[in-house]
PDB file of N, CA and C in Angstrom:
ATOM      1  N   MET A   1       0.842  -1.183   0.000  1.00  0.00           N
ATOM      2  CA  MET A   1       0.000   0.000   0.000  1.00  0.00           C
ATOM      3  C   MET A   1       0.880   1.236   0.000  1.00  0.00           C
ATOM      4  N   LYS A   2       0.649   2.130  -0.903  1.00  0.00           N
ATOM      5  CA  LYS A   2       1.448   3.335  -1.024  1.00  0.00           C
ATOM      6  C   LYS A   2       0.914   4.419  -0.093  1.00  0.00           C
ATOM      7  N   SER A   3       1.821   5.044   0.641  1.00  0.00           N
ATOM      8  CA  SER A   3       1.427   6.082   1.581  1.00  0.00           C
ATOM      9  C   SER A   3       1.181   7.390   0.859  1.00  0.00           C
ATOM     10  N   SER A   4       0.145   8.105   1.279  1.00  0.00           N
ATOM     11  CA  SER A   4      -0.104   9.417   0.702  1.00  0.00           C
ATOM     12  C   SER A   4       0.314  10.520   1.668  1.00  0.00           C
ATOM     13  N   ASP A   5       0.874  10.131   2.821  1.00  0.00           N
ATOM     14  CA  ASP A   5       1.374  11.125   3.766  1.00  0.00           C
ATOM     15  C   ASP A   5       2.621  11.773   3.168  1.00  0.00           C
ATOM     16  N   PRO A   6       2.620  13.095   2.993  1.00  0.00           N
ATOM     17  CA  PRO A   6       3.756  13.728   2.314  1.00  0.00           C
ATOM     18  C   PRO A   6       5.083  13.563   3.054  1.00  0.00           C
ATOM     19  N   THR A   7       5.040  13.561   4.371  1.00  0.00           N
ATOM     20  CA  THR A   7       6.283  13.392   5.121  1.00  0.00           C
ATOM     21  C   THR A   7       6.850  11.984   4.923  1.00  0.00           C
ATOM     22  N   SER A   8       5.981  10.990   4.883  1.00  0.00           N
ATOM     23  CA  SER A   8       6.425   9.613   4.629  1.00  0.00           C
ATOM     24  C   SER A   8       7.013   9.475   3.235  1.00  0.00           C
ATOM     25  N   ILE A   9       6.428  10.164   2.281  1.00  0.00           N
ATOM     26  CA  ILE A   9       6.951  10.145   0.908  1.00  0.00           C
ATOM     27  C   ILE A   9       8.360  10.727   0.887  1.00  0.00           C
ATOM     28  N   ALA A  10       8.559  11.851   1.578  1.00  0.00           N
ATOM     29  CA  ALA A  10       9.882  12.480   1.634  1.00  0.00           C
ATOM     30  C   ALA A  10      10.890  11.571   2.326  1.00  0.00           C
ATOM     31  N   ILE A  11      10.482  10.956   3.426  1.00  0.00           N
ATOM     32  CA  ILE A  11      11.380  10.036   4.147  1.00  0.00           C
ATOM     33  C   ILE A  11      11.809   8.896   3.231  1.00  0.00           C
ATOM     34  N   SER A  12      10.876   8.339   2.491  1.00  0.00           N
ATOM     35  CA  SER A  12      11.194   7.239   1.583  1.00  0.00           C
ATOM     36  C   SER A  12      12.209   7.674   0.528  1.00  0.00           C
ATOM     37  N   ALA A  13      12.005   8.849  -0.051  1.00  0.00           N
ATOM     38  CA  ALA A  13      12.936   9.354  -1.071  1.00  0.00           C
ATOM     39  C   ALA A  13      14.323   9.578  -0.482  1.00  0.00           C
ATOM     40  N   ILE A  14      14.366  10.122   0.718  1.00  0.00           N
ATOM     41  CA  ILE A  14      15.655  10.377   1.367  1.00  0.00           C
ATOM     42  C   ILE A  14      16.346   9.053   1.690  1.00  0.00           C
ATOM     43  N   GLN A  15      15.597   8.079   2.201  1.00  0.00           N
ATOM     44  CA  GLN A  15      16.181   6.778   2.528  1.00  0.00           C
ATOM     45  C   GLN A  15      16.705   6.069   1.284  1.00  0.00           C
ATOM     46  N   ASN A  16      16.069   6.300   0.146  1.00  0.00           N
ATOM     47  CA  ASN A  16      16.549   5.699  -1.100  1.00  0.00           C
ATOM     48  C   ASN A  16      17.870   6.311  -1.565  1.00  0.00           C
ATOM     49  N   ALA A  17      18.134   7.550  -1.147  1.00  0.00           N
ATOM     50  CA  ALA A  17      19.318   8.254  -1.628  1.00  0.00           C
ATOM     51  C   ALA A  17      20.447   8.330  -0.604  1.00  0.00           C
ATOM     52  N   SER A  18      20.169   8.017   0.644  1.00  0.00           N
ATOM     53  CA  SER A  18      21.157   8.222   1.697  1.00  0.00           C
ATOM     54  C   SER A  18      21.242   6.994   2.597  1.00  0.00           C
ATOM     55  N   THR A  19      22.436   6.728   3.083  1.00  0.00           N
ATOM     56  CA  THR A  19      22.612   5.643   4.049  1.00  0.00           C
ATOM     57  C   THR A  19      22.446   6.141   5.478  1.00  0.00           C
ATOM     58  N   VAL A  20      22.320   7.463   5.630  1.00  0.00           N
ATOM     59  CA  VAL A  20      22.158   8.059   6.954  1.00  0.00           C
ATOM     60  C   VAL A  20      20.673   8.044   7.316  1.00  0.00           C
ATOM     61  N   PRO A  21      20.299   7.448   8.443  1.00  0.00           N
ATOM     62  CA  PRO A  21      18.886   7.396   8.825  1.00  0.00           C
ATOM     63  C   PRO A  21      18.271   8.789   8.943  1.00  0.00           C
ATOM     64  N   VAL A  22      16.965   8.869   8.691  1.00  0.00           N
ATOM     65  CA  VAL A  22      16.250  10.149   8.754  1.00  0.00           C
ATOM     66  C   VAL A  22      14.929   9.942   9.490  1.00  0.00           C
ATOM     67  N   THR A  23      14.518  10.962  10.235  1.00  0.00           N
ATOM     68  CA  THR A  23      13.249  10.921  10.955  1.00  0.00           C
ATOM     69  C   THR A  23      12.318  11.998  10.402  1.00  0.00           C
ATOM     70  N   SER A  24      11.044  11.884  10.734  1.00  0.00           N
ATOM     71  CA  SER A  24      10.094  12.892  10.268  1.00  0.00           C
ATOM     72  C   SER A  24      10.423  14.260  10.852  1.00  0.00           C
ATOM     73  N   SER A  25      10.876  14.318  12.088  1.00  0.00           N
ATOM     74  CA  SER A  25      11.222  15.624  12.668  1.00  0.00           C
ATOM     75  C   SER A  25      12.409  16.257  11.944  1.00  0.00           C
ATOM     76  N   GLN A  26      13.345  15.441  11.455  1.00  0.00           N
ATOM     77  CA  GLN A  26      14.468  15.978  10.677  1.00  0.00           C
ATOM     78  C   GLN A  26      13.991  16.520   9.338  1.00  0.00           C
ATOM     79  N   VAL A  27      13.051  15.832   8.708  1.00  0.00           N
ATOM     80  CA  VAL A  27      12.497  16.308   7.436  1.00  0.00           C
ATOM     81  C   VAL A  27      11.820  17.657   7.632  1.00  0.00           C
ATOM     82  N   ILE A  28      11.011  17.757   8.663  1.00  0.00           N
ATOM     83  CA  ILE A  28      10.288  19.002   8.926  1.00  0.00           C
ATOM     84  C   ILE A  28      11.263  20.128   9.247  1.00  0.00           C
ATOM     85  N   ALA A  29      12.257  19.860  10.075  1.00  0.00           N
ATOM     86  CA  ALA A  29      13.258  20.868  10.416  1.00  0.00           C
ATOM     87  C   ALA A  29      14.040  21.312   9.181  1.00  0.00           C
ATOM     88  N   ALA A  30      14.394  20.370   8.327  1.00  0.00           N
ATOM     89  CA  ALA A  30      15.141  20.699   7.110  1.00  0.00           C
ATOM     90  C   ALA A  30      14.302  21.547   6.164  1.00  0.00           C
ATOM     91  N   LEU A  31      13.015  21.230   6.052  1.00  0.00           N
ATOM     92  CA  LEU A  31      12.152  22.019   5.176  1.00  0.00           C
ATOM     93  C   LEU A  31      11.950  23.420   5.733  1.00  0.00           C
ATOM     94  N   ARG A  32      11.966  23.542   7.035  1.00  0.00           N
ATOM     95  CA  ARG A  32      11.790  24.850   7.666  1.00  0.00           C
ATOM     96  C   ARG A  32      13.066  25.702   7.597  1.00  0.00           C
ATOM     97  N   ALA A  33      14.228  25.066   7.740  1.00  0.00           N
ATOM     98  CA  ALA A  33      15.467  25.831   7.881  1.00  0.00           C
ATOM     99  C   ALA A  33      16.516  25.576   6.807  1.00  0.00           C
ATOM    100  N   GLY A  34      16.375  24.501   6.020  1.00  0.00           N
ATOM    101  CA  GLY A  34      17.372  24.209   4.995  1.00  0.00           C
ATOM    102  C   GLY A  34      18.691  23.751   5.560  1.00  0.00           C
ATOM    103  N   GLN A  35      18.655  23.187   6.761  1.00  0.00           N
ATOM    104  CA  GLN A  35      19.868  22.720   7.405  1.00  0.00           C
ATOM    105  C   GLN A  35      19.692  21.263   7.803  1.00  0.00           C
ATOM    106  N   GLY A  36      20.810  20.565   7.887  1.00  0.00           N
ATOM    107  CA  GLY A  36      20.773  19.163   8.278  1.00  0.00           C
ATOM    108  C   GLY A  36      21.800  18.368   7.505  1.00  0.00           C
ATOM    109  N   GLU A  37      21.644  17.072   7.524  1.00  0.00           N
ATOM    110  CA  GLU A  37      22.535  16.161   6.807  1.00  0.00           C
ATOM    111  C   GLU A  37      22.521  16.517   5.317  1.00  0.00           C
ATOM    112  N   PRO A  38      23.681  16.805   4.723  1.00  0.00           N
ATOM    113  CA  PRO A  38      23.716  17.204   3.312  1.00  0.00           C
ATOM    114  C   PRO A  38      23.045  16.214   2.350  1.00  0.00           C
ATOM    115  N   SER A  39      23.232  14.909   2.587  1.00  0.00           N
ATOM    116  CA  SER A  39      22.602  13.940   1.680  1.00  0.00           C
ATOM    117  C   SER A  39      21.082  13.988   1.801  1.00  0.00           C
ATOM    118  N   HIS A  40      20.579  14.291   2.985  1.00  0.00           N
ATOM    119  CA  HIS A  40      19.134  14.437   3.171  1.00  0.00           C
ATOM    120  C   HIS A  40      18.626  15.674   2.427  1.00  0.00           C
ATOM    121  N   LEU A  41      19.350  16.766   2.547  1.00  0.00           N
ATOM    122  CA  LEU A  41      18.939  18.005   1.879  1.00  0.00           C
ATOM    123  C   LEU A  41      18.930  17.842   0.362  1.00  0.00           C
ATOM    124  N   ARG A  42      19.971  17.209  -0.171  1.00  0.00           N
ATOM    125  CA  ARG A  42      20.021  17.006  -1.629  1.00  0.00           C
ATOM    126  C   ARG A  42      18.867  16.135  -2.093  1.00  0.00           C
ATOM    127  N   ALA A  43      18.586  15.072  -1.351  1.00  0.00           N
ATOM    128  CA  ALA A  43      17.491  14.182  -1.745  1.00  0.00           C
ATOM    129  C   ALA A  43      16.141  14.868  -1.584  1.00  0.00           C
ATOM    130  N   MET A  44      15.945  15.556  -0.470  1.00  0.00           N
ATOM    131  CA  MET A  44      14.648  16.176  -0.230  1.00  0.00           C
ATOM    132  C   MET A  44      14.341  17.249  -1.268  1.00  0.00           C
ATOM    133  N   PHE A  45      15.286  18.123  -1.511  1.00  0.00           N
ATOM    134  CA  PHE A  45      15.020  19.208  -2.454  1.00  0.00           C
ATOM    135  C   PHE A  45      15.215  18.793  -3.905  1.00  0.00           C
ATOM    136  N   GLY A  46      15.950  17.702  -4.143  1.00  0.00           N
ATOM    137  CA  GLY A  46      16.193  17.270  -5.512  1.00  0.00           C
ATOM    138  C   GLY A  46      15.302  16.148  -6.007  1.00  0.00           C
ATOM    139  N   ASP A  47      14.874  15.259  -5.103  1.00  0.00           N
ATOM    140  CA  ASP A  47      14.131  14.069  -5.517  1.00  0.00           C
ATOM    141  C   ASP A  47      12.648  14.082  -5.129  1.00  0.00           C
ATOM    142  N   VAL A  48      12.303  14.842  -4.113  1.00  0.00           N
ATOM    143  CA  VAL A  48      10.912  14.891  -3.660  1.00  0.00           C
ATOM    144  C   VAL A  48      10.158  15.909  -4.523  1.00  0.00           C
ATOM    145  N   ALA A  49       8.994  15.531  -4.989  1.00  0.00           N
ATOM    146  CA  ALA A  49       8.195  16.407  -5.846  1.00  0.00           C
ATOM    147  C   ALA A  49       7.901  17.726  -5.139  1.00  0.00           C
ATOM    148  N   PHE A  50       7.947  18.785  -5.907  1.00  0.00           N
ATOM    149  CA  PHE A  50       7.667  20.130  -5.410  1.00  0.00           C
ATOM    150  C   PHE A  50       6.332  20.160  -4.657  1.00  0.00           C
ATOM    151  N   GLU A  51       5.312  19.557  -5.236  1.00  0.00           N
ATOM    152  CA  GLU A  51       3.981  19.548  -4.614  1.00  0.00           C
ATOM    153  C   GLU A  51       4.008  18.846  -3.256  1.00  0.00           C
ATOM    154  N   THR A  52       4.830  17.816  -3.132  1.00  0.00           N
ATOM    155  CA  THR A  52       4.948  17.103  -1.862  1.00  0.00           C
ATOM    156  C   THR A  52       5.585  17.997  -0.810  1.00  0.00           C
ATOM    157  N   LEU A  53       6.598  18.754  -1.193  1.00  0.00           N
ATOM    158  CA  LEU A  53       7.224  19.687  -0.247  1.00  0.00           C
ATOM    159  C   LEU A  53       6.210  20.721   0.232  1.00  0.00           C
ATOM    160  N   ILE A  54       5.406  21.236  -0.681  1.00  0.00           N
ATOM    161  CA  ILE A  54       4.379  22.219  -0.314  1.00  0.00           C
ATOM    162  C   ILE A  54       3.356  21.577   0.628  1.00  0.00           C
ATOM    163  N   ARG A  55       2.969  20.339   0.351  1.00  0.00           N
ATOM    164  CA  ARG A  55       2.010  19.634   1.225  1.00  0.00           C
ATOM    165  C   ARG A  55       2.582  19.438   2.626  1.00  0.00           C
ATOM    166  N   ILE A  56       3.877  19.118   2.712  1.00  0.00           N
ATOM    167  CA  ILE A  56       4.513  19.000   4.032  1.00  0.00           C
ATOM    168  C   ILE A  56       4.453  20.352   4.738  1.00  0.00           C
ATOM    169  N   GLY A  57       4.759  21.401   4.007  1.00  0.00           N
ATOM    170  CA  GLY A  57       4.705  22.745   4.577  1.00  0.00           C
ATOM    171  C   GLY A  57       3.323  23.091   5.108  1.00  0.00           C
ATOM    172  N   ILE A  58       2.302  22.812   4.327  1.00  0.00           N
ATOM    173  CA  ILE A  58       0.930  23.102   4.757  1.00  0.00           C
ATOM    174  C   ILE A  58       0.604  22.308   6.019  1.00  0.00           C
ATOM    175  N   LYS A  59       0.949  21.037   6.015  1.00  0.00           N
ATOM    176  CA  LYS A  59       0.634  20.154   7.148  1.00  0.00           C
ATOM    177  C   LYS A  59       1.308  20.611   8.440  1.00  0.00           C
ATOM    178  N   HIS A  60       2.501  21.198   8.321  1.00  0.00           N
ATOM    179  CA  HIS A  60       3.279  21.543   9.510  1.00  0.00           C
ATOM    180  C   HIS A  60       3.445  23.045   9.719  1.00  0.00           C
ATOM    181  N   GLY A  61       2.645  23.842   9.027  1.00  0.00           N
ATOM    182  CA  GLY A  61       2.667  25.285   9.244  1.00  0.00           C
ATOM    183  C   GLY A  61       3.931  25.969   8.770  1.00  0.00           C
ATOM    184  N   ILE A  62       4.530  25.442   7.717  1.00  0.00           N
ATOM    185  CA  ILE A  62       5.742  26.037   7.144  1.00  0.00           C
ATOM    186  C   ILE A  62       5.311  26.858   5.929  1.00  0.00           C
ATOM    187  N   SER A  63       5.602  28.140   5.952  1.00  0.00           N
ATOM    188  CA  SER A  63       5.160  29.024   4.871  1.00  0.00           C
ATOM    189  C   SER A  63       5.952  28.776   3.588  1.00  0.00           C
ATOM    190  N   ASN A  64       5.386  29.219   2.490  1.00  0.00           N
ATOM    191  CA  ASN A  64       6.085  29.122   1.204  1.00  0.00           C
ATOM    192  C   ASN A  64       7.407  29.884   1.251  1.00  0.00           C
ATOM    193  N   ALA A  65       7.406  31.042   1.908  1.00  0.00           N
ATOM    194  CA  ALA A  65       8.643  31.827   2.009  1.00  0.00           C
ATOM    195  C   ALA A  65       9.707  31.056   2.789  1.00  0.00           C
ATOM    196  N   GLU A  66       9.308  30.358   3.857  1.00  0.00           N
ATOM    197  CA  GLU A  66      10.268  29.552   4.616  1.00  0.00           C
ATOM    198  C   GLU A  66      10.831  28.429   3.764  1.00  0.00           C
ATOM    199  N   ILE A  67       9.966  27.779   2.975  1.00  0.00           N
ATOM    200  CA  ILE A  67      10.432  26.707   2.086  1.00  0.00           C
ATOM    201  C   ILE A  67      11.425  27.258   1.075  1.00  0.00           C
ATOM    202  N   GLY A  68      11.122  28.404   0.505  1.00  0.00           N
ATOM    203  CA  GLY A  68      12.032  29.026  -0.461  1.00  0.00           C
ATOM    204  C   GLY A  68      13.377  29.361   0.156  1.00  0.00           C
ATOM    205  N   ARG A  69      13.351  29.962   1.337  1.00  0.00           N
ATOM    206  CA  ARG A  69      14.618  30.288   2.018  1.00  0.00           C
ATOM    207  C   ARG A  69      15.386  29.028   2.394  1.00  0.00           C
ATOM    208  N   ALA A  70      14.656  27.995   2.831  1.00  0.00           N
ATOM    209  CA  ALA A  70      15.312  26.732   3.183  1.00  0.00           C
ATOM    210  C   ALA A  70      15.988  26.120   1.960  1.00  0.00           C
ATOM    211  N   TYR A  71      15.300  26.155   0.815  1.00  0.00           N
ATOM    212  CA  TYR A  71      15.896  25.618  -0.407  1.00  0.00           C
ATOM    213  C   TYR A  71      17.162  26.387  -0.769  1.00  0.00           C
ATOM    214  N   LEU A  72      17.105  27.715  -0.702  1.00  0.00           N
ATOM    215  CA  LEU A  72      18.288  28.507  -1.050  1.00  0.00           C
ATOM    216  C   LEU A  72      19.450  28.205  -0.105  1.00  0.00           C
ATOM    217  N   ARG A  73      19.149  28.018   1.171  1.00  0.00           N
ATOM    218  CA  ARG A  73      20.194  27.672   2.136  1.00  0.00           C
ATOM    219  C   ARG A  73      20.772  26.286   1.821  1.00  0.00           C
ATOM    220  N   ALA A  74      19.901  25.330   1.520  1.00  0.00           N
ATOM    221  CA  ALA A  74      20.363  23.974   1.181  1.00  0.00           C
ATOM    222  C   ALA A  74      21.127  23.967  -0.133  1.00  0.00           C
ATOM    223  N   ARG A  75      20.713  24.815  -1.022  1.00  0.00           N
ATOM    224  CA  ARG A  75      21.418  24.931  -2.301  1.00  0.00           C
ATOM    225  C   ARG A  75      22.861  25.376  -2.071  1.00  0.00           C
ATOM    226  N   ARG A  76      23.009  26.340  -1.178  1.00  0.00           N
ATOM    227  CA  ARG A  76      24.337  26.869  -0.874  1.00  0.00           C
ATOM    228  C   ARG A  76      25.165  25.870  -0.068  1.00  0.00           C
ATOM    229  N   SER A  77      24.585  25.303   0.978  1.00  0.00           N
ATOM    230  CA  SER A  77      25.374  24.498   1.909  1.00  0.00           C
ATOM    231  C   SER A  77      25.553  23.043   1.493  1.00  0.00           C
ATOM    232  N   ALA A  78      24.586  22.498   0.740  1.00  0.00           N
ATOM    233  CA  ALA A  78      24.634  21.066   0.426  1.00  0.00           C
ATOM    234  C   ALA A  78      24.581  20.768  -1.064  1.00  0.00           C
ATOM    235  N   ALA A  79      24.638  21.813  -1.881  1.00  0.00           N
ATOM    236  CA  ALA A  79      24.577  21.660  -3.344  1.00  0.00           C
ATOM    237  C   ALA A  79      23.267  21.019  -3.798  1.00  0.00           C
ATOM    238  N   ALA A  80      22.185  21.283  -3.059  1.00  0.00           N
ATOM    239  CA  ALA A  80      20.867  20.812  -3.487  1.00  0.00           C
ATOM    240  C   ALA A  80      20.471  21.575  -4.746  1.00  0.00           C
ATOM    241  N   ARG A  81      19.918  20.864  -5.735  1.00  0.00           N
ATOM    242  CA  ARG A  81      19.536  21.523  -6.982  1.00  0.00           C
ATOM    243  C   ARG A  81      18.201  20.983  -7.453  1.00  0.00           C
ATOM    244  N   ASN A  82      17.348  21.929  -7.866  1.00  0.00           N
ATOM    245  CA  ASN A  82      16.040  21.567  -8.394  1.00  0.00           C
ATOM    246  C   ASN A  82      15.575  22.704  -9.301  1.00  0.00           C
ATOM    247  N   PRO A  83      15.585  22.500 -10.618  1.00  0.00           N
ATOM    248  CA  PRO A  83      15.187  23.572 -11.543  1.00  0.00           C
ATOM    249  C   PRO A  83      13.780  24.106 -11.281  1.00  0.00           C
ATOM    250  N   GLU A  84      12.861  23.220 -10.870  1.00  0.00           N
ATOM    251  CA  GLU A  84      11.496  23.672 -10.586  1.00  0.00           C
ATOM    252  C   GLU A  84      11.477  24.601  -9.367  1.00  0.00           C
ATOM    253  N   LEU A  85      12.248  24.265  -8.342  1.00  0.00           N
ATOM    254  CA  LEU A  85      12.329  25.135  -7.172  1.00  0.00           C
ATOM    255  C   LEU A  85      13.064  26.431  -7.493  1.00  0.00           C
ATOM    256  N   ASP A  86      14.075  26.379  -8.360  1.00  0.00           N
ATOM    257  CA  ASP A  86      14.745  27.604  -8.788  1.00  0.00           C
ATOM    258  C   ASP A  86      13.741  28.565  -9.433  1.00  0.00           C
ATOM    259  N   GLU A  87      12.931  28.023 -10.327  1.00  0.00           N
ATOM    260  CA  GLU A  87      11.928  28.839 -11.012  1.00  0.00           C
ATOM    261  C   GLU A  87      10.895  29.374 -10.028  1.00  0.00           C
ATOM    262  N   TRP A  88      10.438  28.522  -9.137  1.00  0.00           N
ATOM    263  CA  TRP A  88       9.447  28.924  -8.145  1.00  0.00           C
ATOM    264  C   TRP A  88       9.989  30.017  -7.230  1.00  0.00           C
ATOM    265  N   CYS A  89      11.245  29.867  -6.775  1.00  0.00           N
ATOM    266  CA  CYS A  89      11.858  30.885  -5.919  1.00  0.00           C
ATOM    267  C   CYS A  89      11.986  32.213  -6.664  1.00  0.00           C
ATOM    268  N   ALA A  90      12.331  32.137  -7.926  1.00  0.00           N
ATOM    269  CA  ALA A  90      12.429  33.367  -8.722  1.00  0.00           C
ATOM    270  C   ALA A  90      11.072  34.069  -8.789  1.00  0.00           C
ATOM    271  N   GLU A  91      10.004  33.284  -8.924  1.00  0.00           N
ATOM    272  CA  GLU A  91       8.660  33.868  -8.945  1.00  0.00           C
ATOM    273  C   GLU A  91       8.271  34.398  -7.569  1.00  0.00           C
ATOM    274  N   GLN A  92       8.581  33.664  -6.512  1.00  0.00           N
ATOM    275  CA  GLN A  92       8.208  34.059  -5.153  1.00  0.00           C
ATOM    276  C   GLN A  92       8.951  35.306  -4.690  1.00  0.00           C
ATOM    277  N   PHE A  93      10.240  35.346  -4.960  1.00  0.00           N
ATOM    278  CA  PHE A  93      11.069  36.427  -4.464  1.00  0.00           C
ATOM    279  C   PHE A  93      11.312  37.513  -5.499  1.00  0.00           C
ATOM    280  N   GLY A  94      10.895  37.273  -6.736  1.00  0.00           N
ATOM    281  CA  GLY A  94      11.208  38.191  -7.825  1.00  0.00           C
ATOM    282  C   GLY A  94      12.566  37.821  -8.390  1.00  0.00           C
ATOM    283  N   VAL A  95      12.695  37.856  -9.684  1.00  0.00           N
ATOM    284  CA  VAL A  95      13.929  37.397 -10.321  1.00  0.00           C
ATOM    285  C   VAL A  95      15.150  38.153  -9.821  1.00  0.00           C
ATOM    286  N   PRO A  96      15.147  39.494  -9.767  1.00  0.00           N
ATOM    287  CA  PRO A  96      16.357  40.169  -9.265  1.00  0.00           C
ATOM    288  C   PRO A  96      16.676  39.781  -7.825  1.00  0.00           C
ATOM    289  N   ALA A  97      15.649  39.672  -6.979  1.00  0.00           N
ATOM    290  CA  ALA A  97      15.887  39.299  -5.581  1.00  0.00           C
ATOM    291  C   ALA A  97      16.439  37.884  -5.497  1.00  0.00           C
ATOM    292  N   PHE A  98      15.902  36.972  -6.300  1.00  0.00           N
ATOM    293  CA  PHE A  98      16.387  35.595  -6.306  1.00  0.00           C
ATOM    294  C   PHE A  98      17.844  35.551  -6.746  1.00  0.00           C
ATOM    295  N   GLU A  99      18.168  36.275  -7.808  1.00  0.00           N
ATOM    296  CA  GLU A  99      19.549  36.286  -8.295  1.00  0.00           C
ATOM    297  C   GLU A  99      20.495  36.839  -7.227  1.00  0.00           C
ATOM    298  N   GLU A 100      20.060  37.852  -6.496  1.00  0.00           N
ATOM    299  CA  GLU A 100      20.883  38.406  -5.427  1.00  0.00           C
ATOM    300  C   GLU A 100      21.053  37.391  -4.286  1.00  0.00           C
ATOM    301  N   ARG A 101      19.994  36.649  -3.964  1.00  0.00           N
ATOM    302  CA  ARG A 101      20.089  35.642  -2.911  1.00  0.00           C
ATOM    303  C   ARG A 101      21.036  34.519  -3.326  1.00  0.00           C
ATOM    304  N   VAL A 102      20.981  34.144  -4.598  1.00  0.00           N
ATOM    305  CA  VAL A 102      21.873  33.094  -5.094  1.00  0.00           C
ATOM    306  C   VAL A 102      23.311  33.578  -5.042  1.00  0.00           C
ATOM    307  N   LYS A 103      23.553  34.812  -5.462  1.00  0.00           N
ATOM    308  CA  LYS A 103      24.918  35.375  -5.410  1.00  0.00           C
ATOM    309  C   LYS A 103      25.416  35.433  -3.975  1.00  0.00           C
ATOM    310  N   ALA A 104      24.556  35.866  -3.075  1.00  0.00           N
ATOM    311  CA  ALA A 104      24.948  35.966  -1.672  1.00  0.00           C
ATOM    312  C   ALA A 104      25.211  34.591  -1.072  1.00  0.00           C
ATOM    313  N   ALA A 105      24.486  33.597  -1.574  1.00  0.00           N
ATOM    314  CA  ALA A 105      24.670  32.245  -1.063  1.00  0.00           C
ATOM    315  C   ALA A 105      25.998  31.645  -1.531  1.00  0.00           C
ATOM    316  N   GLY A 106      26.558  32.220  -2.572  1.00  0.00           N
ATOM    317  CA  GLY A 106      27.855  31.725  -3.069  1.00  0.00           C
ATOM    318  C   GLY A 106      27.662  30.640  -4.011  1.00  0.00           C
TER     319      GLY A 106
END
């Protein structure tokens, strides 16, 4: 039976990509702050569907702006990459603001 719980979906994707164990509280914290085990961040922001990340945010009271900032932080610190999230962040923050955040992130 396939789980429709978004956090469980994210955990499964992370476990498929990383040998480091992950918990639901770590997933939620990473989505809120963009910090944590680098392999978890890369898998979560790179392999988990954008819609699933948004569903996790809704379920746990994480705003779209927090998700965007978390992605940018993970992008900088863990080399997380997701073209769909790049585009979404550009729309959320405005293209010039997004480009400045990316430059500042290094």
